[in-house]
C-alpha atoms as a PDB file:
ATOM      1  CA  MET A   1     231.889  43.624  45.444  1.00  0.00           C
ATOM      2  CA  ILE A   2     231.363  43.653  49.200  1.00  0.00           C
ATOM      3  CA  ILE A   3     233.724  41.081  50.717  1.00  0.00           C
ATOM      4  CA  PHE A   4     233.811  39.851  54.327  1.00  0.00           C
ATOM      5  CA  ILE A   5     236.971  38.024  55.427  1.00  0.00           C
ATOM      6  CA  THR A   6     237.750  36.558  58.827  1.00  0.00           C
ATOM      7  CA  GLY A   7     241.226  36.487  60.344  1.00  0.00           C
ATOM      8  CA  ALA A   8     242.322  39.500  58.303  1.00  0.00           C
ATOM      9  CA  SER A   9     244.950  40.938  60.635  1.00  0.00           C
ATOM     10  CA  SER A  10     247.820  38.664  59.570  1.00  0.00           C
ATOM     11  CA  GLY A  11     248.956  35.870  57.268  1.00  0.00           C
ATOM     12  CA  PHE A  12     246.653  34.724  54.485  1.00  0.00           C
ATOM     13  CA  GLY A  13     243.842  36.998  55.598  1.00  0.00           C
ATOM     14  CA  ARG A  14     245.868  40.178  55.490  1.00  0.00           C
ATOM     15  CA  ALA A  15     247.406  39.335  52.098  1.00  0.00           C
ATOM     16  CA  ILE A  16     244.045  38.382  50.574  1.00  0.00           C
ATOM     17  CA  ALA A  17     242.328  41.493  51.919  1.00  0.00           C
ATOM     18  CA  ALA A  18     245.074  43.789  50.597  1.00  0.00           C
ATOM     19  CA  HIS A  19     244.922  42.227  47.123  1.00  0.00           C
ATOM     20  CA  LEU A  20     241.144  42.572  47.004  1.00  0.00           C
ATOM     21  CA  VAL A  21     241.312  46.246  47.977  1.00  0.00           C
ATOM     22  CA  ARG A  22     243.806  46.852  45.160  1.00  0.00           C
ATOM     23  CA  ARG A  23     241.354  45.167  42.783  1.00  0.00           C
ATOM     24  CA  GLY A  24     238.740  47.752  43.742  1.00  0.00           C
ATOM     25  CA  HIS A  25     236.575  45.683  46.066  1.00  0.00           C
ATOM     26  CA  THR A  26     235.115  46.904  49.355  1.00  0.00           C
ATOM     27  CA  VAL A  27     236.658  44.691  52.021  1.00  0.00           C
ATOM     28  CA  TYR A  28     235.641  44.180  55.641  1.00  0.00           C
ATOM     29  CA  GLY A  29     238.134  42.196  57.698  1.00  0.00           C
ATOM     30  CA  THR A  30     237.749  40.774  61.171  1.00  0.00           C
ATOM     31  CA  SER A  31     240.095  40.155  64.064  1.00  0.00           C
ATOM     32  CA  ARG A  32     239.655  39.488  67.760  1.00  0.00           C
ATOM     33  CA  ALA A  33     241.724  42.614  68.474  1.00  0.00           C
ATOM     34  CA  PRO A  34     242.058  44.919  65.444  1.00  0.00           C
ATOM     35  CA  LYS A  35     244.707  47.611  65.882  1.00  0.00           C
ATOM     36  CA  SER A  36     242.778  50.266  63.963  1.00  0.00           C
ATOM     37  CA  GLY A  37     239.513  50.849  62.124  1.00  0.00           C
ATOM     38  CA  ILE A  38     241.072  50.869  58.651  1.00  0.00           C
ATOM     39  CA  THR A  39     244.264  48.964  57.726  1.00  0.00           C
ATOM     40  CA  ASP A  40     245.618  49.162  54.155  1.00  0.00           C
ATOM     41  CA  GLY A  41     242.161  50.117  52.940  1.00  0.00           C
ATOM     42  CA  VAL A  42     240.517  47.203  54.764  1.00  0.00           C
ATOM     43  CA  GLN A  43     237.745  48.181  57.176  1.00  0.00           C
ATOM     44  CA  MET A  44     238.526  46.155  60.287  1.00  0.00           C
ATOM     45  CA  LEU A  45     235.889  44.869  62.703  1.00  0.00           C
ATOM     46  CA  ARG A  46     236.282  43.270  66.117  1.00  0.00           C
ATOM     47  CA  MET A  47     234.905  39.723  66.038  1.00  0.00           C
ATOM     48  CA  ASP A  48     235.510  36.363  67.720  1.00  0.00           C
ATOM     49  CA  VAL A  49     234.442  33.515  65.434  1.00  0.00           C
ATOM     50  CA  ARG A  50     233.813  31.313  68.489  1.00  0.00           C
ATOM     51  CA  SER A  51     231.004  33.599  69.672  1.00  0.00           C
ATOM     52  CA  PRO A  52     227.767  33.525  67.627  1.00  0.00           C
ATOM     53  CA  GLU A  53     226.754  36.831  69.221  1.00  0.00           C
ATOM     54  CA  SER A  54     230.027  38.476  68.189  1.00  0.00           C
ATOM     55  CA  VAL A  55     229.705  37.082  64.661  1.00  0.00           C
ATOM     56  CA  ASP A  56     226.105  38.244  64.264  1.00  0.00           C
ATOM     57  CA  ALA A  57     227.024  41.736  65.467  1.00  0.00           C
ATOM     58  CA  ALA A  58     229.893  42.075  62.976  1.00  0.00           C
ATOM     59  CA  VAL A  59     227.890  40.737  60.028  1.00  0.00           C
ATOM     60  CA  ASP A  60     224.885  42.899  60.889  1.00  0.00           C
ATOM     61  CA  SER A  61     227.098  45.996  61.020  1.00  0.00           C
ATOM     62  CA  VAL A  62     228.253  45.352  57.447  1.00  0.00           C
ATOM     63  CA  ILE A  63     224.678  44.795  56.287  1.00  0.00           C
ATOM     64  CA  ARG A  64     223.620  48.094  57.849  1.00  0.00           C
ATOM     65  CA  ARG A  65     226.388  49.909  55.987  1.00  0.00           C
ATOM     66  CA  GLU A  66     226.344  48.107  52.639  1.00  0.00           C
ATOM     67  CA  GLY A  67     222.994  46.326  52.403  1.00  0.00           C
ATOM     68  CA  HIS A  68     224.517  42.990  51.415  1.00  0.00           C
ATOM     69  CA  ILE A  69     227.635  40.782  51.374  1.00  0.00           C
ATOM     70  CA  ASP A  70     228.716  39.316  48.031  1.00  0.00           C
ATOM     71  CA  VAL A  71     231.622  37.151  49.188  1.00  0.00           C
ATOM     72  CA  LEU A  72     232.500  35.493  52.499  1.00  0.00           C
ATOM     73  CA  ILE A  73     236.041  34.200  53.025  1.00  0.00           C
ATOM     74  CA  ASN A  74     236.347  31.999  56.120  1.00  0.00           C
ATOM     75  CA  ASN A  75     240.045  32.250  56.851  1.00  0.00           C
ATOM     76  CA  ALA A  76     240.340  32.575  60.656  1.00  0.00           C
ATOM     77  CA  GLY A  77     242.168  29.687  62.250  1.00  0.00           C
ATOM     78  CA  MET A  78     244.946  28.455  64.515  1.00  0.00           C
ATOM     79  CA  GLY A  79     247.023  25.335  64.972  1.00  0.00           C
ATOM     80  CA  ILE A  80     247.777  23.006  67.870  1.00  0.00           C
ATOM     81  CA  ALA A  81     250.570  20.438  67.573  1.00  0.00           C
ATOM     82  CA  GLY A  82     251.179  17.376  69.688  1.00  0.00           C
ATOM     83  CA  ALA A  83     250.442  13.683  69.994  1.00  0.00           C
ATOM     84  CA  ALA A  84     246.813  12.850  69.281  1.00  0.00           C
ATOM     85  CA  GLU A  85     246.687  10.509  72.283  1.00  0.00           C
ATOM     86  CA  LEU A  86     247.790  13.226  74.708  1.00  0.00           C
ATOM     87  CA  ALA A  87     245.541  16.023  73.451  1.00  0.00           C
ATOM     88  CA  SER A  88     243.609  17.524  76.347  1.00  0.00           C
ATOM     89  CA  PRO A  89     239.856  18.156  76.131  1.00  0.00           C
ATOM     90  CA  ASP A  90     240.587  21.887  76.386  1.00  0.00           C
ATOM     91  CA  ASP A  91     242.972  21.797  73.413  1.00  0.00           C
ATOM     92  CA  ILE A  92     240.524  19.732  71.359  1.00  0.00           C
ATOM     93  CA  ARG A  93     237.733  22.158  72.164  1.00  0.00           C
ATOM     94  CA  LEU A  94     239.860  25.218  71.332  1.00  0.00           C
ATOM     95  CA  GLN A  95     241.008  23.772  68.014  1.00  0.00           C
ATOM     96  CA  MET A  96     237.543  22.777  66.844  1.00  0.00           C
ATOM     97  CA  GLU A  97     235.751  25.869  68.152  1.00  0.00           C
ATOM     98  CA  THR A  98     238.191  28.187  66.383  1.00  0.00           C
ATOM     99  CA  ASN A  99     238.688  26.424  63.057  1.00  0.00           C
ATOM    100  CA  PHE A 100     235.478  24.490  62.472  1.00  0.00           C
ATOM    101  CA  ILE A 101     232.664  25.785  64.666  1.00  0.00           C
ATOM    102  CA  GLY A 102     233.858  29.327  63.998  1.00  0.00           C
ATOM    103  CA  CYS A 103     233.524  28.676  60.273  1.00  0.00           C
ATOM    104  CA  THR A 104     229.959  27.411  60.712  1.00  0.00           C
ATOM    105  CA  ASN A 105     229.052  30.410  62.888  1.00  0.00           C
ATOM    106  CA  VAL A 106     230.097  32.841  60.165  1.00  0.00           C
ATOM    107  CA  CYS A 107     228.472  30.846  57.351  1.00  0.00           C
ATOM    108  CA  ARG A 108     225.181  30.796  59.233  1.00  0.00           C
ATOM    109  CA  ALA A 109     225.279  34.545  59.913  1.00  0.00           C
ATOM    110  CA  VAL A 110     226.066  35.478  56.304  1.00  0.00           C
ATOM    111  CA  LEU A 111     223.813  32.937  54.585  1.00  0.00           C
ATOM    112  CA  ARG A 112     220.673  34.426  56.121  1.00  0.00           C
ATOM    113  CA  TYR A 113     221.407  37.513  54.002  1.00  0.00           C
ATOM    114  CA  MET A 114     222.726  35.718  50.895  1.00  0.00           C
ATOM    115  CA  ARG A 115     219.802  33.305  50.553  1.00  0.00           C
ATOM    116  CA  PRO A 116     217.054  35.924  49.962  1.00  0.00           C
ATOM    117  CA  ARG A 117     219.233  37.577  47.276  1.00  0.00           C
ATOM    118  CA  ARG A 118     219.720  34.212  45.526  1.00  0.00           C
ATOM    119  CA  LYS A 119     223.412  34.887  45.019  1.00  0.00           C
ATOM    120  CA  GLY A 120     226.696  34.789  46.887  1.00  0.00           C
ATOM    121  CA  LEU A 121     230.088  33.126  47.131  1.00  0.00           C
ATOM    122  CA  ILE A 122     231.537  31.437  50.215  1.00  0.00           C
ATOM    123  CA  ILE A 123     235.213  30.457  50.244  1.00  0.00           C
ATOM    124  CA  ASN A 124     236.222  28.209  53.128  1.00  0.00           C
ATOM    125  CA  ILE A 125     239.970  27.920  53.670  1.00  0.00           C
ATOM    126  CA  SER A 126     240.887  24.310  54.380  1.00  0.00           C
ATOM    127  CA  SER A 127     244.385  22.804  54.019  1.00  0.00           C
ATOM    128  CA  ILE A 128     246.144  19.859  52.482  1.00  0.00           C
ATOM    129  CA  ALA A 129     245.987  18.679  56.119  1.00  0.00           C
ATOM    130  CA  GLY A 130     242.252  18.334  55.446  1.00  0.00           C
ATOM    131  CA  ILE A 131     243.034  15.875  52.645  1.00  0.00           C
ATOM    132  CA  PHE A 132     245.462  13.698  54.601  1.00  0.00           C
ATOM    133  CA  SER A 133     246.331  13.928  58.279  1.00  0.00           C
ATOM    134  CA  ILE A 134     249.823  15.095  59.231  1.00  0.00           C
ATOM    135  CA  PRO A 135     251.621  13.405  62.164  1.00  0.00           C
ATOM    136  CA  TYR A 136     251.454  15.409  65.389  1.00  0.00           C
ATOM    137  CA  GLN A 137     248.945  17.747  63.792  1.00  0.00           C
ATOM    138  CA  GLY A 138     245.975  15.479  64.334  1.00  0.00           C
ATOM    139  CA  LEU A 139     243.785  18.142  65.956  1.00  0.00           C
ATOM    140  CA  TYR A 140     244.490  20.663  63.219  1.00  0.00           C
ATOM    141  CA  SER A 141     243.890  18.019  60.547  1.00  0.00           C
ATOM    142  CA  ALA A 142     240.621  16.989  62.211  1.00  0.00           C
ATOM    143  CA  SER A 143     239.395  20.595  62.156  1.00  0.00           C
ATOM    144  CA  LYS A 144     240.202  20.871  58.449  1.00  0.00           C
ATOM    145  CA  PHE A 145     238.606  17.488  57.650  1.00  0.00           C
ATOM    146  CA  ALA A 146     235.491  18.850  59.363  1.00  0.00           C
ATOM    147  CA  ILE A 147     235.545  21.981  57.189  1.00  0.00           C
ATOM    148  CA  GLU A 148     235.871  19.787  54.092  1.00  0.00           C
ATOM    149  CA  GLY A 149     232.840  17.656  54.955  1.00  0.00           C
ATOM    150  CA  TYR A 150     230.732  20.610  56.058  1.00  0.00           C
ATOM    151  CA  SER A 151     231.590  22.616  52.934  1.00  0.00           C
ATOM    152  CA  GLN A 152     230.761  19.758  50.587  1.00  0.00           C
ATOM    153  CA  ALA A 153     227.304  19.378  52.121  1.00  0.00           C
ATOM    154  CA  LEU A 154     226.764  23.138  52.257  1.00  0.00           C
ATOM    155  CA  ALA A 155     227.631  23.471  48.570  1.00  0.00           C
ATOM    156  CA  ILE A 156     224.970  20.943  47.600  1.00  0.00           C
ATOM    157  CA  GLU A 157     222.308  22.341  49.926  1.00  0.00           C
ATOM    158  CA  THR A 158     222.721  26.005  48.960  1.00  0.00           C
ATOM    159  CA  SER A 159     223.288  25.633  45.221  1.00  0.00           C
ATOM    160  CA  ARG A 160     219.544  25.993  44.552  1.00  0.00           C
ATOM    161  CA  PHE A 161     219.749  29.465  46.086  1.00  0.00           C
ATOM    162  CA  GLY A 162     222.402  30.553  43.596  1.00  0.00           C
ATOM    163  CA  ILE A 163     225.177  30.346  46.194  1.00  0.00           C
ATOM    164  CA  ASN A 164     228.604  28.899  45.386  1.00  0.00           C
ATOM    165  CA  VAL A 165     230.615  27.256  48.165  1.00  0.00           C
ATOM    166  CA  VAL A 166     234.296  26.768  47.364  1.00  0.00           C
ATOM    167  CA  ILE A 167     237.000  24.932  49.319  1.00  0.00           C
ATOM    168  CA  VAL A 168     240.575  26.204  49.019  1.00  0.00           C
ATOM    169  CA  ALA A 169     243.213  23.827  50.425  1.00  0.00           C
ATOM    170  CA  PRO A 170     246.652  25.481  50.661  1.00  0.00           C
ATOM    171  CA  GLY A 171     249.922  23.678  51.214  1.00  0.00           C
ATOM    172  CA  ASP A 172     252.832  25.134  53.172  1.00  0.00           C
ATOM    173  CA  PHE A 173     253.106  28.925  53.149  1.00  0.00           C
ATOM    174  CA  ASN A 174     255.317  31.236  55.188  1.00  0.00           C
ATOM    175  CA  THR A 175     252.608  33.211  56.963  1.00  0.00           C
ATOM    176  CA  GLY A 176     253.574  33.463  60.626  1.00  0.00           C
ATOM    177  CA  PHE A 177     251.335  30.477  61.373  1.00  0.00           C
ATOM    178  CA  THR A 178     254.429  28.540  62.471  1.00  0.00           C
ATOM    179  CA  SER A 179     255.408  30.917  65.264  1.00  0.00           C
ATOM    180  CA  ALA A 180     251.792  31.222  66.430  1.00  0.00           C
ATOM    181  CA  ARG A 181     251.213  27.471  66.678  1.00  0.00           C
ATOM    182  CA  ARG A 182     250.323  26.177  70.146  1.00  0.00           C
ATOM    183  CA  LEU A 183     252.435  23.210  71.320  1.00  0.00           C
ATOM    184  CA  CYS A 184     251.016  20.616  73.698  1.00  0.00           C
ATOM    185  CA  PRO A 185     253.337  20.482  76.736  1.00  0.00           C
ATOM    186  CA  GLU A 186     252.258  16.906  77.512  1.00  0.00           C
ATOM    187  CA  THR A 187     253.858  15.714  74.261  1.00  0.00           C
ATOM    188  CA  ALA A 188     257.173  17.481  74.842  1.00  0.00           C
ATOM    189  CA  ALA A 189     257.330  15.939  78.329  1.00  0.00           C
ATOM    190  CA  SER A 190     256.425  12.412  77.217  1.00  0.00           C
ATOM    191  CA  PRO A 191     259.264   9.837  77.137  1.00  0.00           C
ATOM    192  CA  ASP A 192     257.334   7.942  74.467  1.00  0.00           C
ATOM    193  CA  TYR A 193     256.665  10.846  72.116  1.00  0.00           C
ATOM    194  CA  SER A 194     259.075  13.729  72.792  1.00  0.00           C
ATOM    195  CA  ALA A 195     261.981  12.687  70.542  1.00  0.00           C
ATOM    196  CA  SER A 196     259.744  11.744  67.620  1.00  0.00           C
ATOM    197  CA  PHE A 197     257.721  14.938  68.047  1.00  0.00           C
ATOM    198  CA  ALA A 198     260.881  17.056  67.982  1.00  0.00           C
ATOM    199  CA  ARG A 199     262.022  15.489  64.688  1.00  0.00           C
ATOM    200  CA  VAL A 200     258.640  15.761  62.994  1.00  0.00           C
ATOM    201  CA  ARG A 201     258.109  19.300  64.247  1.00  0.00           C
ATOM    202  CA  ALA A 202     261.501  20.370  62.883  1.00  0.00           C
ATOM    203  CA  ASN A 203     260.544  18.971  59.486  1.00  0.00           C
ATOM    204  CA  PHE A 204     257.094  20.520  59.151  1.00  0.00           C
ATOM    205  CA  GLU A 205     258.298  23.863  60.494  1.00  0.00           C
ATOM    206  CA  ARG A 206     261.143  23.832  57.961  1.00  0.00           C
ATOM    207  CA  ASP A 207     258.657  23.217  55.149  1.00  0.00           C
ATOM    208  CA  GLU A 208     256.408  26.032  56.367  1.00  0.00           C
ATOM    209  CA  LEU A 209     259.227  28.560  56.689  1.00  0.00           C
ATOM    210  CA  ARG A 210     260.447  27.658  53.192  1.00  0.00           C
ATOM    211  CA  GLY A 211     256.892  27.736  51.857  1.00  0.00           C
ATOM    212  CA  GLY A 212     255.304  30.060  49.354  1.00  0.00           C
ATOM    213  CA  SER A 213     254.431  33.690  49.856  1.00  0.00           C
ATOM    214  CA  PRO A 214     250.866  34.358  51.040  1.00  0.00           C
ATOM    215  CA  ASP A 215     250.594  36.725  48.063  1.00  0.00           C
ATOM    216  CA  MET A 216     250.527  33.628  45.846  1.00  0.00           C
ATOM    217  CA  LEU A 217     247.379  32.359  47.556  1.00  0.00           C
ATOM    218  CA  ALA A 218     245.909  35.864  47.600  1.00  0.00           C
ATOM    219  CA  ARG A 219     246.194  36.077  43.819  1.00  0.00           C
ATOM    220  CA  ARG A 220     244.487  32.694  43.467  1.00  0.00           C
ATOM    221  CA  ILE A 221     241.633  33.802  45.736  1.00  0.00           C
ATOM    222  CA  CYS A 222     241.189  36.963  43.657  1.00  0.00           C
ATOM    223  CA  ARG A 223     240.905  34.876  40.487  1.00  0.00           C
ATOM    224  CA  ILE A 224     238.329  32.605  42.140  1.00  0.00           C
ATOM    225  CA  ILE A 225     236.223  35.577  43.227  1.00  0.00           C
ATOM    226  CA  GLU A 226     236.333  37.137  39.774  1.00  0.00           C
ATOM    227  CA  SER A 227     235.643  33.829  38.000  1.00  0.00           C
ATOM    228  CA  ARG A 228     232.242  33.455  36.373  1.00  0.00           C
ATOM    229  CA  ARG A 229     231.994  29.791  37.348  1.00  0.00           C
ATOM    230  CA  PRO A 230     234.392  28.817  40.166  1.00  0.00           C
ATOM    231  CA  ARG A 231     235.178  25.184  40.849  1.00  0.00           C
ATOM    232  CA  ARG A 232     234.075  23.583  44.111  1.00  0.00           C
ATOM    233  CA  ARG A 233     237.656  22.854  45.210  1.00  0.00           C
ATOM    234  CA  TYR A 234     241.114  24.304  44.658  1.00  0.00           C
ATOM    235  CA  VAL A 235     244.228  22.607  46.031  1.00  0.00           C
ATOM    236  CA  VAL A 236     247.234  24.945  46.176  1.00  0.00           C
ATOM    237  CA  PRO A 237     250.456  23.023  46.950  1.00  0.00           C
ATOM    238  CA  THR A 238     253.714  24.965  47.041  1.00  0.00           C
ATOM    239  CA  SER A 239     256.137  22.155  46.195  1.00  0.00           C
ATOM    240  CA  ALA A 240     256.363  19.050  44.036  1.00  0.00           C
ATOM    241  CA  ALA A 241     256.408  16.911  47.199  1.00  0.00           C
ATOM    242  CA  GLN A 242     253.098  18.377  48.375  1.00  0.00           C
ATOM    243  CA  TRP A 243     251.526  17.947  44.952  1.00  0.00           C
ATOM    244  CA  LEU A 244     252.677  14.319  44.841  1.00  0.00           C
ATOM    245  CA  ALA A 245     251.436  13.657  48.381  1.00  0.00           C
ATOM    246  CA  VAL A 246     247.969  14.968  47.515  1.00  0.00           C
ATOM    247  CA  ARG A 247     247.815  12.690  44.477  1.00  0.00           C
ATOM    248  CA  LEU A 248     249.165   9.612  46.261  1.00  0.00           C
ATOM    249  CA  SER A 249     246.852  10.047  49.257  1.00  0.00           C
ATOM    250  CA  GLY A 250     243.907   9.152  47.049  1.00  0.00           C
ATOM    251  CA  LEU A 251     245.619   6.295  45.234  1.00  0.00           C
ATOM    252  CA  LEU A 252     247.672   4.297  47.723  1.00  0.00           C
ATOM    253  CA  PRO A 253     246.472   2.017  50.536  1.00  0.00           C
ATOM    254  CA  ARG A 254     246.393   3.938  53.811  1.00  0.00           C
ATOM    255  CA  ARG A 255     249.103   1.836  55.423  1.00  0.00           C
ATOM    256  CA  THR A 256     251.441   2.468  52.493  1.00  0.00           C
ATOM    257  CA  PHE A 257     250.734   6.189  52.455  1.00  0.00           C
ATOM    258  CA  GLY A 258     251.206   6.313  56.227  1.00  0.00           C
ATOM    259  CA  TRP A 259     254.636   4.707  55.842  1.00  0.00           C
ATOM    260  CA  ILE A 260     255.563   7.395  53.294  1.00  0.00           C
ATOM    261  CA  LEU A 261     254.544  10.146  55.725  1.00  0.00           C
ATOM    262  CA  LYS A 262     256.505   8.525  58.569  1.00  0.00           C
ATOM    263  CA  THR A 263     259.589   8.389  56.364  1.00  0.00           C
ATOM    264  CA  PHE A 264     259.153  11.920  55.011  1.00  0.00           C
ATOM    265  CA  TYR A 265     258.808  13.445  58.478  1.00  0.00           C
ATOM    266  CA  SER A 266     261.617  11.307  60.006  1.00  0.00           C
ATOM    267  CA  MET A 267     259.424   9.690  62.640  1.00  0.00           C
END
């Protein structure tokens, strides 16, 4: 199969792309600044998901070479941490343009080629932070909630064209995402939020660094791609606590679940 994956230079994207190459698929990966044309068998393309022109150019180049794209994996993303109240318009814009609008840009570019063929698979990488919001990761959670809502509608609208849209919501994995996260300086400088932010940040960074290997998620993605009838959603927690939190988030009153999160993260 011809597979197009965004954010393929590191973390989930790199692990997924490498697994797919080993399975015999033809994989095109994207990055804003790829180091070489081919990495571990993955054909790398320069692309910025925030730019529709850049996205169209990358997708069109694959179509010229291969004639079609069988699978799109929207994986590119970044995280911003800080108090929701103190988030600047620039940080909000950056978070949403990268994680959510970028996802829609790539879906739009690829769907115009999938629709006429009446077949295709789109996998949008969400997060358990798109199921319940994590303290001091409100912007990141909002971007993943947006992907969830968009993907659910897209799945319904494109099913008559033979296209499957799948959401994959990972828990905590040790991918390098932690060190790349952008921290809002206004929160660290705030007398009202700084101490709480430091405690919560220490807790979620600990969970991430102790999280699962990205190879675990890569294997799951491979199984989804090779499945004859994939489900619309896959939640992939990496601990019993994450699994329990996902279940309780849909069962408990919001105030009660919020108290559990405050306690868990030592707010």
